[in-house]
């Protein structure tokens, strides 16, 4: 099992990358390659990153439990 500090750091990095990619991609699709897009991307990221990190603290453990449950079910079949 991974230690708690590593898990929290990983969640922060994943939240940062996902928030950056998602806000960037959807902002680009909405506004196109403009300076307005870059401005909005930065604003959106500043909101999305901390939100994603806090949510990941709750969703992450749930996802691991669900994955273990599913893998346990699939492991019994084979």
N, C-alpha and C. Protein backbone atom coordinates (compact mmCIF):
# COMPACT_ATOMS: atom_id res chain seq x y z
N UNK A 1 0.85 -1.19 0.00
CA UNK A 1 0.00 0.00 0.00
C UNK A 1 0.89 1.24 0.00
N UNK A 2 0.46 2.26 -0.68
CA UNK A 2 1.20 3.51 -0.79
C UNK A 2 0.97 4.36 0.46
N UNK A 3 2.02 5.05 0.93
CA UNK A 3 1.86 5.87 2.13
C UNK A 3 0.98 7.08 1.84
N UNK A 4 0.40 7.64 2.91
CA UNK A 4 -0.60 8.71 2.79
C UNK A 4 -0.05 9.97 2.12
N UNK A 5 1.19 10.35 2.42
CA UNK A 5 1.77 11.55 1.80
C UNK A 5 1.89 11.39 0.29
N UNK A 6 2.30 10.22 -0.16
CA UNK A 6 2.43 9.96 -1.59
C UNK A 6 1.06 9.99 -2.26
N UNK A 7 0.05 9.40 -1.61
CA UNK A 7 -1.30 9.41 -2.18
C UNK A 7 -1.85 10.83 -2.31
N UNK A 8 -1.63 11.66 -1.31
CA UNK A 8 -2.13 13.04 -1.36
C UNK A 8 -1.39 13.83 -2.43
N UNK A 9 -0.07 13.64 -2.54
CA UNK A 9 0.69 14.31 -3.59
C UNK A 9 0.21 13.85 -4.97
N UNK A 10 -0.02 12.56 -5.12
CA UNK A 10 -0.51 12.04 -6.40
C UNK A 10 -1.88 12.63 -6.73
N UNK A 11 -2.76 12.73 -5.73
CA UNK A 11 -4.07 13.32 -5.96
C UNK A 11 -3.95 14.79 -6.36
N UNK A 12 -3.04 15.52 -5.73
CA UNK A 12 -2.83 16.92 -6.10
C UNK A 12 -2.32 17.04 -7.53
N UNK A 13 -1.38 16.19 -7.91
CA UNK A 13 -0.83 16.23 -9.27
C UNK A 13 -1.88 15.83 -10.30
N UNK A 14 -2.65 14.79 -10.01
CA UNK A 14 -3.70 14.37 -10.93
C UNK A 14 -4.75 15.47 -11.07
N UNK A 15 -5.17 16.06 -9.94
CA UNK A 15 -6.16 17.14 -9.98
C UNK A 15 -5.64 18.32 -10.79
N UNK A 16 -4.36 18.65 -10.60
CA UNK A 16 -3.75 19.77 -11.33
C UNK A 16 -3.75 19.49 -12.84
N UNK A 17 -3.30 18.30 -13.21
CA UNK A 17 -3.23 17.96 -14.64
C UNK A 17 -4.62 17.88 -15.26
N UNK A 18 -5.55 17.25 -14.58
CA UNK A 18 -6.90 17.12 -15.13
C UNK A 18 -7.60 18.47 -15.22
N UNK A 19 -7.45 19.29 -14.19
CA UNK A 19 -8.08 20.62 -14.23
C UNK A 19 -7.48 21.44 -15.36
N UNK A 20 -6.18 21.39 -15.52
CA UNK A 20 -5.54 22.14 -16.60
C UNK A 20 -5.97 21.66 -17.98
N UNK A 21 -5.96 20.36 -18.16
CA UNK A 21 -6.35 19.80 -19.46
C UNK A 21 -7.82 20.03 -19.77
N UNK A 22 -8.68 19.76 -18.81
CA UNK A 22 -10.12 19.89 -19.07
C UNK A 22 -10.53 21.34 -19.31
N UNK A 23 -10.06 22.26 -18.45
CA UNK A 23 -10.43 23.66 -18.67
C UNK A 23 -9.81 24.19 -19.96
N UNK A 24 -8.59 23.75 -20.26
CA UNK A 24 -7.93 24.19 -21.49
C UNK A 24 -8.64 23.69 -22.73
N UNK A 25 -8.95 22.41 -22.76
CA UNK A 25 -9.60 21.82 -23.94
C UNK A 25 -10.99 22.40 -24.16
N UNK A 26 -11.80 22.42 -23.12
CA UNK A 26 -13.17 22.92 -23.31
C UNK A 26 -13.20 24.42 -23.56
N UNK A 27 -12.30 25.16 -22.94
CA UNK A 27 -12.20 26.59 -23.25
C UNK A 27 -11.79 26.82 -24.69
N UNK A 28 -10.85 26.01 -25.17
CA UNK A 28 -10.39 26.11 -26.57
C UNK A 28 -11.52 25.79 -27.53
N UNK A 29 -12.29 24.74 -27.22
CA UNK A 29 -13.41 24.39 -28.09
C UNK A 29 -14.46 25.49 -28.12
N UNK A 30 -14.64 26.16 -27.01
CA UNK A 30 -15.65 27.22 -26.91
C UNK A 30 -15.17 28.53 -27.55
N UNK A 31 -13.93 28.92 -27.29
CA UNK A 31 -13.45 30.24 -27.71
C UNK A 31 -12.47 30.21 -28.88
N UNK A 32 -11.87 29.07 -29.13
CA UNK A 32 -10.85 29.00 -30.18
C UNK A 32 -9.53 29.53 -29.67
N UNK A 33 -8.51 29.52 -30.55
CA UNK A 33 -7.16 29.93 -30.15
C UNK A 33 -7.02 31.46 -30.08
N UNK A 34 -7.55 32.05 -29.03
CA UNK A 34 -7.52 33.50 -28.88
C UNK A 34 -6.90 33.88 -27.54
N UNK A 35 -6.62 35.17 -27.38
CA UNK A 35 -6.13 35.64 -26.08
C UNK A 35 -7.23 35.52 -25.03
N UNK A 36 -8.48 35.65 -25.46
CA UNK A 36 -9.60 35.48 -24.53
C UNK A 36 -9.60 34.06 -23.96
N UNK A 37 -9.26 33.09 -24.81
CA UNK A 37 -9.18 31.70 -24.36
C UNK A 37 -8.13 31.55 -23.27
N UNK A 38 -6.94 32.12 -23.48
CA UNK A 38 -5.88 32.01 -22.47
C UNK A 38 -6.28 32.66 -21.16
N UNK A 39 -6.93 33.81 -21.25
CA UNK A 39 -7.38 34.51 -20.04
C UNK A 39 -8.41 33.69 -19.29
N UNK A 40 -9.40 33.19 -20.02
CA UNK A 40 -10.44 32.38 -19.40
C UNK A 40 -9.91 31.06 -18.87
N UNK A 41 -8.94 30.48 -19.58
CA UNK A 41 -8.33 29.23 -19.13
C UNK A 41 -7.68 29.43 -17.76
N UNK A 42 -6.93 30.52 -17.63
CA UNK A 42 -6.27 30.79 -16.35
C UNK A 42 -7.29 30.97 -15.23
N UNK A 43 -8.35 31.73 -15.50
CA UNK A 43 -9.39 31.95 -14.48
C UNK A 43 -10.07 30.63 -14.11
N UNK A 44 -10.42 29.86 -15.14
CA UNK A 44 -11.10 28.59 -14.90
C UNK A 44 -10.22 27.62 -14.13
N UNK A 45 -8.93 27.59 -14.48
CA UNK A 45 -8.01 26.69 -13.80
C UNK A 45 -7.89 27.03 -12.32
N UNK A 46 -7.84 28.32 -11.99
CA UNK A 46 -7.70 28.73 -10.59
C UNK A 46 -8.90 28.30 -9.74
N UNK A 47 -10.03 28.12 -10.38
CA UNK A 47 -11.21 27.62 -9.68
C UNK A 47 -11.24 26.08 -9.71
N UNK A 48 -10.92 25.52 -10.88
CA UNK A 48 -11.05 24.07 -11.08
C UNK A 48 -10.04 23.26 -10.27
N UNK A 49 -8.79 23.73 -10.17
CA UNK A 49 -7.77 22.93 -9.49
C UNK A 49 -8.09 22.67 -8.03
N UNK A 50 -8.33 23.72 -7.23
CA UNK A 50 -8.63 23.41 -5.82
C UNK A 50 -9.92 22.61 -5.65
N UNK A 51 -10.90 22.87 -6.52
CA UNK A 51 -12.15 22.11 -6.46
C UNK A 51 -11.88 20.64 -6.77
N UNK A 52 -11.12 20.38 -7.82
CA UNK A 52 -10.79 19.01 -8.20
C UNK A 52 -10.00 18.30 -7.10
N UNK A 53 -9.08 19.01 -6.48
CA UNK A 53 -8.27 18.40 -5.42
C UNK A 53 -9.13 18.01 -4.23
N UNK A 54 -9.97 18.92 -3.78
CA UNK A 54 -10.84 18.63 -2.63
C UNK A 54 -11.77 17.47 -2.95
N UNK A 55 -12.36 17.49 -4.15
CA UNK A 55 -13.25 16.39 -4.53
C UNK A 55 -12.50 15.07 -4.64
N UNK A 56 -11.26 15.12 -5.11
CA UNK A 56 -10.48 13.89 -5.26
C UNK A 56 -10.19 13.24 -3.91
N UNK A 57 -10.11 14.04 -2.86
CA UNK A 57 -9.87 13.49 -1.53
C UNK A 57 -11.03 12.59 -1.09
N UNK A 58 -12.24 12.91 -1.56
CA UNK A 58 -13.39 12.07 -1.25
C UNK A 58 -13.62 10.98 -2.27
N UNK A 59 -13.46 11.33 -3.53
CA UNK A 59 -13.74 10.39 -4.62
C UNK A 59 -12.63 9.35 -4.77
N UNK A 60 -11.38 9.74 -4.52
CA UNK A 60 -10.26 8.82 -4.68
C UNK A 60 -10.40 7.54 -3.87
N UNK A 61 -10.61 7.64 -2.57
CA UNK A 61 -10.77 6.42 -1.77
C UNK A 61 -11.98 5.58 -2.22
N UNK A 62 -13.05 6.25 -2.60
CA UNK A 62 -14.23 5.53 -3.09
C UNK A 62 -13.89 4.77 -4.38
N UNK A 63 -13.16 5.41 -5.27
CA UNK A 63 -12.76 4.76 -6.52
C UNK A 63 -11.89 3.54 -6.26
N UNK A 64 -10.97 3.65 -5.31
CA UNK A 64 -10.12 2.50 -4.97
C UNK A 64 -10.95 1.36 -4.39
N UNK A 65 -11.91 1.68 -3.53
CA UNK A 65 -12.77 0.63 -2.96
C UNK A 65 -13.59 -0.04 -4.06
N UNK A 66 -14.15 0.76 -4.97
CA UNK A 66 -14.92 0.20 -6.08
C UNK A 66 -14.05 -0.67 -6.98
N UNK A 67 -12.84 -0.21 -7.25
CA UNK A 67 -11.93 -0.98 -8.10
C UNK A 67 -11.59 -2.32 -7.44
N UNK A 68 -11.31 -2.28 -6.12
CA UNK A 68 -11.02 -3.53 -5.42
C UNK A 68 -12.22 -4.48 -5.45
N UNK A 69 -13.42 -3.91 -5.28
CA UNK A 69 -14.64 -4.69 -5.31
C UNK A 69 -14.82 -5.34 -6.69
N UNK A 70 -14.69 -4.54 -7.74
CA UNK A 70 -14.85 -5.06 -9.10
C UNK A 70 -13.79 -6.11 -9.41
N UNK A 71 -12.56 -5.85 -9.04
CA UNK A 71 -11.48 -6.82 -9.30
C UNK A 71 -11.69 -8.10 -8.50
N UNK A 72 -12.25 -7.96 -7.32
CA UNK A 72 -12.57 -9.14 -6.52
C UNK A 72 -13.65 -9.98 -7.18
N UNK A 73 -14.63 -9.31 -7.77
CA UNK A 73 -15.68 -10.03 -8.47
C UNK A 73 -15.14 -10.71 -9.72
N UNK A 74 -14.31 -9.99 -10.50
CA UNK A 74 -13.80 -10.57 -11.72
C UNK A 74 -12.76 -11.64 -11.43
N UNK A 75 -12.06 -11.53 -10.31
CA UNK A 75 -11.06 -12.53 -9.94
C UNK A 75 -11.68 -13.88 -9.58
N UNK A 76 -12.91 -13.85 -9.07
CA UNK A 76 -13.58 -15.09 -8.67
C UNK A 76 -14.12 -15.87 -9.87
N UNK A 77 -14.36 -15.17 -10.97
CA UNK A 77 -14.94 -15.84 -12.13
C UNK A 77 -13.93 -16.69 -12.88
N UNK A 78 -12.65 -16.25 -12.87
CA UNK A 78 -11.68 -16.89 -13.73
C UNK A 78 -10.96 -18.00 -13.15
